[in-house]
Amino acid sequence: MLRRIIVLLVLCASMVACAREPAPAPPPPPAPTWNAGPEGACEVPETGASAHTLDIDGEKRRFAVDVPDGFNGERLPVVFVTHGRGGEATAAMAYTGFPEYGQQYGFIVVAPQAEGRPALWDFSTGPEVAGSDFAFIAALREHVVESWCGDDEQVFMTGFSNGSAMTFAAACLPSLRFKAFGAVAAPGYVPERCDSAPPASIIYAHGTADPVVPFVGGETVIQWVEPATQVMNAWALHDGCAHVEREQIAEDVQVTRWDVCRDESRLVFYVIDGEGHHWPGGPSLPGLGASTRSINITALMTEFFGLSD
């Protein structure tokens, strides 16, 4: 119990530094139903949660990884989790709750660590530039597939806040070869980069009362952001979606779904009325607005990626 209290205190300290990112999400049901990849016959350095460095162009970059304890030698899907401004990889693992879902459904969770004080993702520089954050993401993706038994055809990217902006930028970089994307609380569509990119499947959530990244658009501590609805409509146009439907699934949650899109891509957009700057369904901290319990975005992303089938 003492160790758990200490861990939670460390997480909270880290979260306050990154605009108070939320702490651990509630775990899913415990019964294992794995969805392993097709290649089989490989080994991992270790199972469970661990922290590592990866040497890239002479620079050591940090990342955390969680491999299901019941790993049986088959290649597994991989979910990247990118933290927000000032955040920590291990805290992102905790507040999203993705490792619990990975243990449940049989996928690897990888959380890269940004550099700087505060730690900040540079989502404007592509992977072709040595030493860039996207060069790190590209190298880490390759490393996880080669050394951690990741299924090369099932690698997904998610992110919160600054990590959400990083995720949207990655959706416009086909060389990174992520299969689909999940993001919360920072939308993005840059025409000069995204217009020529292939269609992308994205699930996105944003609160209407977000005090850090305004839902209606505006200035943030990093840059100006466009309105969330405008950005998702831009993605729907980009993906060539022919059908859209809206549904009120809870008193405070409306979901918009676009389908019949190019290359079988899909878009899902959760608008949470009154929600602040939080990971929906996860814990919240004072000063960042209200937090919904109507949806759990980690569960919804896992389903969207086809990992809970």
C-alpha atoms as a PDB file:
ATOM      1  CA  MET A   1       0.000   0.000   0.000  1.00  0.00           C
ATOM      2  CA  LEU A   2       2.850   2.395   0.870  1.00  0.00           C
ATOM      3  CA  ARG A   3       4.476   1.725  -2.510  1.00  0.00           C
ATOM      4  CA  ARG A   4       1.190   2.453  -4.299  1.00  0.00           C
ATOM      5  CA  ILE A   5       0.781   5.737  -2.423  1.00  0.00           C
ATOM      6  CA  ILE A   6       4.319   6.800  -3.336  1.00  0.00           C
ATOM      7  CA  VAL A   7       3.769   5.934  -7.017  1.00  0.00           C
ATOM      8  CA  LEU A   8       0.551   7.939  -7.124  1.00  0.00           C
ATOM      9  CA  LEU A   9       2.248  10.935  -5.507  1.00  0.00           C
ATOM     10  CA  VAL A  10       5.027  10.820  -8.112  1.00  0.00           C
ATOM     11  CA  LEU A  11       2.465  10.630 -10.905  1.00  0.00           C
ATOM     12  CA  CYS A  12       0.535  13.587  -9.513  1.00  0.00           C
ATOM     13  CA  ALA A  13       3.697  15.692  -9.317  1.00  0.00           C
ATOM     14  CA  SER A  14       4.447  14.871 -12.943  1.00  0.00           C
ATOM     15  CA  MET A  15       0.903  15.644 -14.008  1.00  0.00           C
ATOM     16  CA  VAL A  16       0.841  19.079 -12.395  1.00  0.00           C
ATOM     17  CA  ALA A  17       3.951  19.949 -14.408  1.00  0.00           C
ATOM     18  CA  CYS A  18       2.184  19.082 -17.693  1.00  0.00           C
ATOM     19  CA  ALA A  19      -0.957  21.191 -17.306  1.00  0.00           C
ATOM     20  CA  ARG A  20      -2.091  18.615 -14.771  1.00  0.00           C
ATOM     21  CA  GLU A  21      -2.480  15.651 -17.041  1.00  0.00           C
ATOM     22  CA  PRO A  22      -4.875  13.103 -15.517  1.00  0.00           C
ATOM     23  CA  ALA A  23      -3.772   9.995 -13.486  1.00  0.00           C
ATOM     24  CA  PRO A  24      -4.689   6.264 -13.916  1.00  0.00           C
ATOM     25  CA  ALA A  25      -7.921   5.242 -15.660  1.00  0.00           C
ATOM     26  CA  PRO A  26     -10.143   2.483 -14.254  1.00  0.00           C
ATOM     27  CA  PRO A  27      -9.002  -0.992 -15.416  1.00  0.00           C
ATOM     28  CA  PRO A  28     -11.136  -3.112 -17.775  1.00  0.00           C
ATOM     29  CA  PRO A  29     -12.571  -6.540 -16.889  1.00  0.00           C
ATOM     30  CA  PRO A  30      -9.848  -9.119 -16.187  1.00  0.00           C
ATOM     31  CA  ALA A  31     -10.733 -12.045 -18.482  1.00  0.00           C
ATOM     32  CA  PRO A  32      -8.058 -12.404 -21.228  1.00  0.00           C
ATOM     33  CA  THR A  33      -9.184 -12.378 -24.886  1.00  0.00           C
ATOM     34  CA  TRP A  34      -6.057 -11.931 -26.996  1.00  0.00           C
ATOM     35  CA  ASN A  35      -5.944 -10.789 -30.608  1.00  0.00           C
ATOM     36  CA  ALA A  36      -2.411 -11.800 -31.655  1.00  0.00           C
ATOM     37  CA  GLY A  37      -0.813 -11.018 -35.010  1.00  0.00           C
ATOM     38  CA  PRO A  38      -0.158 -13.636 -37.677  1.00  0.00           C
ATOM     39  CA  GLU A  39       3.621 -13.916 -37.839  1.00  0.00           C
ATOM     40  CA  GLY A  40       4.398 -15.819 -34.627  1.00  0.00           C
ATOM     41  CA  ALA A  41       7.635 -17.266 -33.221  1.00  0.00           C
ATOM     42  CA  CYS A  42       9.566 -14.406 -31.642  1.00  0.00           C
ATOM     43  CA  GLU A  43      10.876 -13.329 -28.240  1.00  0.00           C
ATOM     44  CA  VAL A  44      10.723 -10.186 -26.114  1.00  0.00           C
ATOM     45  CA  PRO A  45      13.379  -8.907 -23.684  1.00  0.00           C
ATOM     46  CA  GLU A  46      10.832  -8.981 -20.832  1.00  0.00           C
ATOM     47  CA  THR A  47       7.117  -8.854 -20.105  1.00  0.00           C
ATOM     48  CA  GLY A  48       5.249  -6.389 -17.927  1.00  0.00           C
ATOM     49  CA  ALA A  49       6.171  -2.719 -17.542  1.00  0.00           C
ATOM     50  CA  SER A  50       9.731  -1.495 -18.099  1.00  0.00           C
ATOM     51  CA  ALA A  51      11.670   1.634 -19.109  1.00  0.00           C
ATOM     52  CA  HIS A  52      14.436   1.814 -21.732  1.00  0.00           C
ATOM     53  CA  THR A  53      16.530   4.054 -23.955  1.00  0.00           C
ATOM     54  CA  LEU A  54      17.056   3.902 -27.704  1.00  0.00           C
ATOM     55  CA  ASP A  55      20.222   5.272 -29.304  1.00  0.00           C
ATOM     56  CA  ILE A  56      19.337   7.459 -32.299  1.00  0.00           C
ATOM     57  CA  ASP A  57      22.135   9.283 -34.101  1.00  0.00           C
ATOM     58  CA  GLY A  58      24.221   9.220 -30.924  1.00  0.00           C
ATOM     59  CA  GLU A  59      21.421  10.531 -28.729  1.00  0.00           C
ATOM     60  CA  LYS A  60      19.696   8.354 -26.157  1.00  0.00           C
ATOM     61  CA  ARG A  61      15.916   8.727 -26.238  1.00  0.00           C
ATOM     62  CA  ARG A  62      13.707   7.281 -23.519  1.00  0.00           C
ATOM     63  CA  PHE A  63      10.563   5.199 -23.748  1.00  0.00           C
ATOM     64  CA  ALA A  64       8.382   2.985 -21.576  1.00  0.00           C
ATOM     65  CA  VAL A  65       6.860  -0.293 -22.716  1.00  0.00           C
ATOM     66  CA  ASP A  66       4.322  -2.742 -21.332  1.00  0.00           C
ATOM     67  CA  VAL A  67       4.125  -6.283 -22.750  1.00  0.00           C
ATOM     68  CA  PRO A  68       1.271  -8.597 -21.686  1.00  0.00           C
ATOM     69  CA  ASP A  69       2.384 -11.018 -18.989  1.00  0.00           C
ATOM     70  CA  GLY A  70       0.944 -13.986 -20.884  1.00  0.00           C
ATOM     71  CA  PHE A  71       3.073 -13.345 -23.987  1.00  0.00           C
ATOM     72  CA  ASN A  72       3.299 -16.614 -25.930  1.00  0.00           C
ATOM     73  CA  GLY A  73       5.735 -15.870 -28.739  1.00  0.00           C
ATOM     74  CA  GLU A  74       3.222 -14.494 -31.235  1.00  0.00           C
ATOM     75  CA  ARG A  75       3.575 -11.021 -32.662  1.00  0.00           C
ATOM     76  CA  LEU A  76       1.213  -8.553 -31.032  1.00  0.00           C
ATOM     77  CA  PRO A  77      -0.441  -5.269 -32.039  1.00  0.00           C
ATOM     78  CA  VAL A  78       1.220  -2.121 -30.683  1.00  0.00           C
ATOM     79  CA  VAL A  79      -0.367   1.060 -29.311  1.00  0.00           C
ATOM     80  CA  PHE A  80       1.805   4.177 -28.952  1.00  0.00           C
ATOM     81  CA  VAL A  81       0.754   6.617 -26.197  1.00  0.00           C
ATOM     82  CA  THR A  82       2.188  10.147 -26.463  1.00  0.00           C
ATOM     83  CA  HIS A  83       2.018  12.378 -23.395  1.00  0.00           C
ATOM     84  CA  GLY A  84       1.104  16.058 -23.201  1.00  0.00           C
ATOM     85  CA  ARG A  85       3.302  19.122 -22.700  1.00  0.00           C
ATOM     86  CA  GLY A  86       5.551  18.699 -19.666  1.00  0.00           C
ATOM     87  CA  GLY A  87       4.427  15.088 -19.291  1.00  0.00           C
ATOM     88  CA  GLU A  88       6.114  11.775 -18.617  1.00  0.00           C
ATOM     89  CA  ALA A  89       5.836   8.524 -20.553  1.00  0.00           C
ATOM     90  CA  THR A  90       5.043   6.489 -17.447  1.00  0.00           C
ATOM     91  CA  ALA A  91       2.366   8.970 -16.348  1.00  0.00           C
ATOM     92  CA  ALA A  92       0.732   8.724 -19.788  1.00  0.00           C
ATOM     93  CA  MET A  93       0.644   4.954 -19.389  1.00  0.00           C
ATOM     94  CA  ALA A  94      -1.073   5.426 -16.034  1.00  0.00           C
ATOM     95  CA  TYR A  95      -3.693   8.074 -16.767  1.00  0.00           C
ATOM     96  CA  THR A  96      -4.852   6.486 -20.030  1.00  0.00           C
ATOM     97  CA  GLY A  97      -5.003   2.986 -18.564  1.00  0.00           C
ATOM     98  CA  PHE A  98      -3.805   1.486 -21.856  1.00  0.00           C
ATOM     99  CA  PRO A  99      -1.489  -1.085 -20.195  1.00  0.00           C
ATOM    100  CA  GLU A 100      -4.480  -2.677 -18.435  1.00  0.00           C
ATOM    101  CA  TYR A 101      -6.244  -2.979 -21.770  1.00  0.00           C
ATOM    102  CA  GLY A 102      -3.073  -4.371 -23.341  1.00  0.00           C
ATOM    103  CA  GLN A 103      -2.910  -7.027 -20.644  1.00  0.00           C
ATOM    104  CA  GLN A 104      -6.602  -7.774 -21.220  1.00  0.00           C
ATOM    105  CA  TYR A 105      -6.643  -7.948 -25.004  1.00  0.00           C
ATOM    106  CA  GLY A 106      -3.068  -8.845 -25.851  1.00  0.00           C
ATOM    107  CA  PHE A 107      -1.313  -5.787 -27.255  1.00  0.00           C
ATOM    108  CA  ILE A 108       1.934  -3.982 -26.462  1.00  0.00           C
ATOM    109  CA  VAL A 109       1.803  -0.404 -25.169  1.00  0.00           C
ATOM    110  CA  VAL A 110       4.701   1.946 -25.927  1.00  0.00           C
ATOM    111  CA  ALA A 111       5.068   5.452 -24.486  1.00  0.00           C
ATOM    112  CA  PRO A 112       7.866   7.590 -25.975  1.00  0.00           C
ATOM    113  CA  GLN A 113       9.332  10.415 -23.900  1.00  0.00           C
ATOM    114  CA  ALA A 114       9.688  13.955 -25.283  1.00  0.00           C
ATOM    115  CA  GLU A 115      12.744  16.080 -24.497  1.00  0.00           C
ATOM    116  CA  GLY A 116      13.077  19.546 -22.983  1.00  0.00           C
ATOM    117  CA  ARG A 117      11.951  21.457 -19.898  1.00  0.00           C
ATOM    118  CA  PRO A 118       9.037  21.248 -20.094  1.00  0.00           C
ATOM    119  CA  ALA A 119       9.026  18.100 -22.212  1.00  0.00           C
ATOM    120  CA  LEU A 120       7.465  19.067 -25.524  1.00  0.00           C
ATOM    121  CA  TRP A 121       6.760  17.299 -28.819  1.00  0.00           C
ATOM    122  CA  ASP A 122       7.863  19.058 -32.013  1.00  0.00           C
ATOM    123  CA  PHE A 123       5.137  18.001 -34.450  1.00  0.00           C
ATOM    124  CA  SER A 124       6.195  20.359 -37.252  1.00  0.00           C
ATOM    125  CA  THR A 125       9.478  18.634 -38.223  1.00  0.00           C
ATOM    126  CA  GLY A 126       9.249  15.407 -40.206  1.00  0.00           C
ATOM    127  CA  PRO A 127      11.082  12.095 -39.711  1.00  0.00           C
ATOM    128  CA  GLU A 128      13.458  12.870 -42.565  1.00  0.00           C
ATOM    129  CA  VAL A 129      15.258  15.355 -40.270  1.00  0.00           C
ATOM    130  CA  ALA A 130      17.857  13.601 -38.105  1.00  0.00           C
ATOM    131  CA  GLY A 131      17.279  14.084 -34.397  1.00  0.00           C
ATOM    132  CA  SER A 132      13.661  15.193 -34.792  1.00  0.00           C
ATOM    133  CA  ASP A 133      10.903  13.805 -32.613  1.00  0.00           C
ATOM    134  CA  PHE A 134       9.336  12.093 -35.601  1.00  0.00           C
ATOM    135  CA  ALA A 135      12.699  10.514 -36.460  1.00  0.00           C
ATOM    136  CA  PHE A 136      12.592   9.126 -32.905  1.00  0.00           C
ATOM    137  CA  ILE A 137       9.012   7.887 -33.354  1.00  0.00           C
ATOM    138  CA  ALA A 138       9.927   6.205 -36.655  1.00  0.00           C
ATOM    139  CA  ALA A 139      12.992   4.516 -35.142  1.00  0.00           C
ATOM    140  CA  LEU A 140      11.052   3.448 -32.057  1.00  0.00           C
ATOM    141  CA  ARG A 141       8.305   1.937 -34.192  1.00  0.00           C
ATOM    142  CA  GLU A 142      10.891  -0.109 -36.082  1.00  0.00           C
ATOM    143  CA  HIS A 143      12.601  -1.093 -32.823  1.00  0.00           C
ATOM    144  CA  VAL A 144       9.375  -2.310 -31.223  1.00  0.00           C
ATOM    145  CA  VAL A 145       8.545  -4.449 -34.253  1.00  0.00           C
ATOM    146  CA  GLU A 146      12.050  -5.912 -34.510  1.00  0.00           C
ATOM    147  CA  SER A 147      12.953  -6.307 -30.827  1.00  0.00           C
ATOM    148  CA  TRP A 148       9.639  -6.448 -28.963  1.00  0.00           C
ATOM    149  CA  CYS A 149       7.585  -8.728 -31.248  1.00  0.00           C
ATOM    150  CA  GLY A 150       5.275  -6.012 -32.536  1.00  0.00           C
ATOM    151  CA  ASP A 151       3.000  -6.831 -35.462  1.00  0.00           C
ATOM    152  CA  ASP A 152       4.206  -4.530 -38.244  1.00  0.00           C
ATOM    153  CA  GLU A 153       0.708  -4.366 -39.750  1.00  0.00           C
ATOM    154  CA  GLN A 154      -1.003  -3.359 -36.500  1.00  0.00           C
ATOM    155  CA  VAL A 155       0.756  -0.343 -35.001  1.00  0.00           C
ATOM    156  CA  PHE A 156      -1.482   2.473 -33.738  1.00  0.00           C
ATOM    157  CA  MET A 157      -0.781   5.935 -32.323  1.00  0.00           C
ATOM    158  CA  THR A 158      -2.634   7.845 -29.611  1.00  0.00           C
ATOM    159  CA  GLY A 159      -1.988  11.039 -27.695  1.00  0.00           C
ATOM    160  CA  PHE A 160      -3.286  13.628 -25.249  1.00  0.00           C
ATOM    161  CA  SER A 161      -2.963  17.427 -25.597  1.00  0.00           C
ATOM    162  CA  ASN A 162       0.491  18.126 -27.123  1.00  0.00           C
ATOM    163  CA  GLY A 163       0.615  14.372 -27.778  1.00  0.00           C
ATOM    164  CA  SER A 164      -2.734  14.697 -29.568  1.00  0.00           C
ATOM    165  CA  ALA A 165      -1.256  17.340 -31.876  1.00  0.00           C
ATOM    166  CA  MET A 166       1.662  14.963 -32.463  1.00  0.00           C
ATOM    167  CA  THR A 167      -0.792  12.185 -33.317  1.00  0.00           C
ATOM    168  CA  PHE A 168      -2.718  14.300 -35.833  1.00  0.00           C
ATOM    169  CA  ALA A 169       0.573  15.312 -37.456  1.00  0.00           C
ATOM    170  CA  ALA A 170       1.582  11.642 -37.676  1.00  0.00           C
ATOM    171  CA  ALA A 171      -1.672  10.922 -39.523  1.00  0.00           C
ATOM    172  CA  CYS A 172      -0.294  13.107 -42.334  1.00  0.00           C
ATOM    173  CA  LEU A 173       3.035  11.244 -42.483  1.00  0.00           C
ATOM    174  CA  PRO A 174       2.384   7.935 -44.294  1.00  0.00           C
ATOM    175  CA  SER A 175       6.049   6.914 -44.031  1.00  0.00           C
ATOM    176  CA  LEU A 176       5.442   6.281 -40.309  1.00  0.00           C
ATOM    177  CA  ARG A 177       2.975   3.537 -41.266  1.00  0.00           C
ATOM    178  CA  PHE A 178       0.574   3.768 -38.340  1.00  0.00           C
ATOM    179  CA  LYS A 179      -2.666   1.918 -39.024  1.00  0.00           C
ATOM    180  CA  ALA A 180      -5.052   4.282 -37.191  1.00  0.00           C
ATOM    181  CA  PHE A 181      -5.001   7.125 -34.693  1.00  0.00           C
ATOM    182  CA  GLY A 182      -6.653   8.140 -31.417  1.00  0.00           C
ATOM    183  CA  ALA A 183      -6.393  11.639 -29.968  1.00  0.00           C
ATOM    184  CA  VAL A 184      -7.771  13.801 -27.162  1.00  0.00           C
ATOM    185  CA  ALA A 185      -7.794  17.575 -26.622  1.00  0.00           C
ATOM    186  CA  ALA A 186      -5.759  19.075 -29.493  1.00  0.00           C
ATOM    187  CA  PRO A 187      -6.943  18.733 -33.098  1.00  0.00           C
ATOM    188  CA  GLY A 188      -4.803  19.271 -36.160  1.00  0.00           C
ATOM    189  CA  TYR A 189      -4.975  19.457 -39.938  1.00  0.00           C
ATOM    190  CA  VAL A 190      -2.204  21.300 -41.783  1.00  0.00           C
ATOM    191  CA  PRO A 191      -3.198  21.553 -45.468  1.00  0.00           C
ATOM    192  CA  GLU A 192       0.333  21.800 -46.865  1.00  0.00           C
ATOM    193  CA  ARG A 193       1.231  18.524 -45.161  1.00  0.00           C
ATOM    194  CA  CYS A 194      -2.096  16.705 -44.970  1.00  0.00           C
ATOM    195  CA  ASP A 195      -3.756  17.438 -48.325  1.00  0.00           C
ATOM    196  CA  SER A 196      -1.400  15.082 -50.173  1.00  0.00           C
ATOM    197  CA  ALA A 197      -1.461  12.371 -47.483  1.00  0.00           C
ATOM    198  CA  PRO A 198      -3.564   9.201 -47.816  1.00  0.00           C
ATOM    199  CA  PRO A 199      -6.859   8.918 -45.908  1.00  0.00           C
ATOM    200  CA  ALA A 200      -6.494   8.230 -42.181  1.00  0.00           C
ATOM    201  CA  SER A 201      -8.767   6.568 -39.628  1.00  0.00           C
ATOM    202  CA  ILE A 202      -9.056   8.758 -36.521  1.00  0.00           C
ATOM    203  CA  ILE A 203     -11.040   8.678 -33.290  1.00  0.00           C
ATOM    204  CA  TYR A 204     -11.004  12.021 -31.472  1.00  0.00           C
ATOM    205  CA  ALA A 205     -12.527  13.466 -28.286  1.00  0.00           C
ATOM    206  CA  HIS A 206     -12.625  17.061 -27.024  1.00  0.00           C
ATOM    207  CA  GLY A 207     -14.456  18.852 -24.222  1.00  0.00           C
ATOM    208  CA  THR A 208     -16.380  22.037 -24.948  1.00  0.00           C
ATOM    209  CA  ALA A 209     -15.073  23.696 -21.755  1.00  0.00           C
ATOM    210  CA  ASP A 210     -11.383  22.877 -22.239  1.00  0.00           C
ATOM    211  CA  PRO A 211      -9.415  25.757 -20.621  1.00  0.00           C
ATOM    212  CA  VAL A 212      -6.060  24.712 -22.129  1.00  0.00           C
ATOM    213  CA  VAL A 213      -6.881  23.924 -25.773  1.00  0.00           C
ATOM    214  CA  PRO A 214     -10.126  25.772 -26.582  1.00  0.00           C
ATOM    215  CA  PHE A 215     -12.767  23.650 -28.313  1.00  0.00           C
ATOM    216  CA  VAL A 216     -13.780  26.665 -30.414  1.00  0.00           C
ATOM    217  CA  GLY A 217     -10.170  27.371 -31.367  1.00  0.00           C
ATOM    218  CA  GLY A 218      -7.774  30.044 -30.214  1.00  0.00           C
ATOM    219  CA  GLU A 219      -4.363  30.639 -28.719  1.00  0.00           C
ATOM    220  CA  THR A 220      -2.595  28.035 -26.574  1.00  0.00           C
ATOM    221  CA  VAL A 221       0.812  28.090 -24.866  1.00  0.00           C
ATOM    222  CA  ILE A 222       2.220  26.314 -27.929  1.00  0.00           C
ATOM    223  CA  GLN A 223       0.370  27.726 -30.926  1.00  0.00           C
ATOM    224  CA  TRP A 224      -2.968  28.805 -32.354  1.00  0.00           C
ATOM    225  CA  VAL A 225      -5.442  25.946 -32.882  1.00  0.00           C
ATOM    226  CA  GLU A 226      -8.417  25.770 -35.211  1.00  0.00           C
ATOM    227  CA  PRO A 227     -11.894  24.885 -33.882  1.00  0.00           C
ATOM    228  CA  ALA A 228     -12.232  21.159 -33.230  1.00  0.00           C
ATOM    229  CA  THR A 229     -15.365  20.769 -35.357  1.00  0.00           C
ATOM    230  CA  GLN A 230     -13.718  22.596 -38.261  1.00  0.00           C
ATOM    231  CA  VAL A 231     -10.678  20.318 -38.067  1.00  0.00           C
ATOM    232  CA  MET A 232     -12.734  17.121 -38.055  1.00  0.00           C
ATOM    233  CA  ASN A 233     -14.803  18.385 -40.989  1.00  0.00           C
ATOM    234  CA  ALA A 234     -11.526  19.005 -42.836  1.00  0.00           C
ATOM    235  CA  TRP A 235     -10.518  15.406 -42.173  1.00  0.00           C
ATOM    236  CA  ALA A 236     -13.898  14.162 -43.424  1.00  0.00           C
ATOM    237  CA  LEU A 237     -13.419  16.135 -46.643  1.00  0.00           C
ATOM    238  CA  HIS A 238      -9.850  14.864 -46.960  1.00  0.00           C
ATOM    239  CA  ASP A 239     -10.936  11.243 -46.445  1.00  0.00           C
ATOM    240  CA  GLY A 240     -13.739  11.653 -48.984  1.00  0.00           C
ATOM    241  CA  CYS A 241     -16.411  10.438 -46.572  1.00  0.00           C
ATOM    242  CA  ALA A 242     -19.842  10.066 -48.184  1.00  0.00           C
ATOM    243  CA  HIS A 243     -21.928   9.416 -45.083  1.00  0.00           C
ATOM    244  CA  VAL A 244     -22.172  11.081 -41.671  1.00  0.00           C
ATOM    245  CA  GLU A 245     -24.420  10.463 -38.684  1.00  0.00           C
ATOM    246  CA  ARG A 246     -24.714  12.096 -35.277  1.00  0.00           C
ATOM    247  CA  GLU A 247     -25.968  10.541 -32.082  1.00  0.00           C
ATOM    248  CA  GLN A 248     -26.474  11.769 -28.532  1.00  0.00           C
ATOM    249  CA  ILE A 249     -25.132   8.814 -26.553  1.00  0.00           C
ATOM    250  CA  ALA A 250     -25.246  10.466 -23.123  1.00  0.00           C
ATOM    251  CA  GLU A 251     -26.569  13.674 -21.631  1.00  0.00           C
ATOM    252  CA  ASP A 252     -23.152  15.278 -22.080  1.00  0.00           C
ATOM    253  CA  VAL A 253     -21.757  13.356 -25.075  1.00  0.00           C
ATOM    254  CA  GLN A 254     -22.535  13.641 -28.780  1.00  0.00           C
ATOM    255  CA  VAL A 255     -20.720  11.431 -31.279  1.00  0.00           C
ATOM    256  CA  THR A 256     -20.312  12.105 -35.000  1.00  0.00           C
ATOM    257  CA  ARG A 257     -19.334   9.184 -37.239  1.00  0.00           C
ATOM    258  CA  TRP A 258     -18.156   9.465 -40.825  1.00  0.00           C
ATOM    259  CA  ASP A 259     -17.930   6.386 -43.019  1.00  0.00           C
ATOM    260  CA  VAL A 260     -18.058   5.305 -46.672  1.00  0.00           C
ATOM    261  CA  CYS A 261     -14.663   7.005 -46.900  1.00  0.00           C
ATOM    262  CA  ARG A 262     -11.709   6.455 -49.221  1.00  0.00           C
ATOM    263  CA  ASP A 263      -9.564   3.374 -48.543  1.00  0.00           C
ATOM    264  CA  GLU A 264     -12.120   2.210 -45.944  1.00  0.00           C
ATOM    265  CA  SER A 265     -10.976   4.924 -43.534  1.00  0.00           C
ATOM    266  CA  ARG A 266     -13.289   5.999 -40.694  1.00  0.00           C
ATOM    267  CA  LEU A 267     -13.652   9.041 -38.461  1.00  0.00           C
ATOM    268  CA  VAL A 268     -15.305   9.265 -35.040  1.00  0.00           C
ATOM    269  CA  PHE A 269     -15.621  12.528 -33.096  1.00  0.00           C
ATOM    270  CA  TYR A 270     -16.792  12.694 -29.470  1.00  0.00           C
ATOM    271  CA  VAL A 271     -17.916  16.130 -28.273  1.00  0.00           C
ATOM    272  CA  ILE A 272     -18.239  16.243 -24.484  1.00  0.00           C
ATOM    273  CA  ASP A 273     -20.373  19.091 -23.206  1.00  0.00           C
ATOM    274  CA  GLY A 274     -18.756  20.876 -20.256  1.00  0.00           C
ATOM    275  CA  GLU A 275     -15.651  18.666 -20.240  1.00  0.00           C
ATOM    276  CA  GLY A 276     -12.343  20.319 -19.357  1.00  0.00           C
ATOM    277  CA  HIS A 277      -8.794  19.340 -20.290  1.00  0.00           C
ATOM    278  CA  HIS A 278      -8.947  15.658 -19.371  1.00  0.00           C
ATOM    279  CA  TRP A 279      -8.669  12.154 -20.765  1.00  0.00           C
ATOM    280  CA  PRO A 280     -12.385  11.152 -20.888  1.00  0.00           C
ATOM    281  CA  GLY A 281     -13.150   8.412 -18.398  1.00  0.00           C
ATOM    282  CA  GLY A 282      -9.836   8.879 -16.626  1.00  0.00           C
ATOM    283  CA  PRO A 283      -9.104  10.806 -13.429  1.00  0.00           C
ATOM    284  CA  SER A 284      -9.056  14.582 -13.254  1.00  0.00           C
ATOM    285  CA  LEU A 285      -7.273  17.254 -11.244  1.00  0.00           C
ATOM    286  CA  PRO A 286      -8.576  20.610  -9.966  1.00  0.00           C
ATOM    287  CA  GLY A 287      -8.176  23.632 -12.189  1.00  0.00           C
ATOM    288  CA  LEU A 288      -8.734  21.908 -15.532  1.00  0.00           C
ATOM    289  CA  GLY A 289     -12.517  21.839 -15.554  1.00  0.00           C
ATOM    290  CA  ALA A 290     -15.119  19.114 -15.207  1.00  0.00           C
ATOM    291  CA  SER A 291     -14.436  15.498 -16.184  1.00  0.00           C
ATOM    292  CA  THR A 292     -16.990  13.142 -17.700  1.00  0.00           C
ATOM    293  CA  ARG A 293     -17.744   9.599 -16.597  1.00  0.00           C
ATOM    294  CA  SER A 294     -20.152   9.015 -19.472  1.00  0.00           C
ATOM    295  CA  ILE A 295     -17.506   7.476 -21.743  1.00  0.00           C
ATOM    296  CA  ASN A 296     -14.093   5.860 -21.386  1.00  0.00           C
ATOM    297  CA  ILE A 297     -12.056   6.928 -24.397  1.00  0.00           C
ATOM    298  CA  THR A 298      -9.411   4.233 -23.827  1.00  0.00           C
ATOM    299  CA  ALA A 299     -12.050   1.527 -24.198  1.00  0.00           C
ATOM    300  CA  LEU A 300     -13.494   3.273 -27.251  1.00  0.00           C
ATOM    301  CA  MET A 301     -10.073   3.595 -28.898  1.00  0.00           C
ATOM    302  CA  THR A 302      -9.310  -0.057 -28.211  1.00  0.00           C
ATOM    303  CA  GLU A 303     -12.584  -0.993 -29.900  1.00  0.00           C
ATOM    304  CA  PHE A 304     -12.010   1.440 -32.803  1.00  0.00           C
ATOM    305  CA  PHE A 305      -8.616  -0.160 -33.456  1.00  0.00           C
ATOM    306  CA  GLY A 306     -10.243  -3.604 -33.558  1.00  0.00           C
ATOM    307  CA  LEU A 307      -8.204  -4.814 -30.593  1.00  0.00           C
ATOM    308  CA  SER A 308     -11.106  -5.866 -28.374  1.00  0.00           C
ATOM    309  CA  ASP A 309     -12.799  -8.126 -30.945  1.00  0.00           C
END
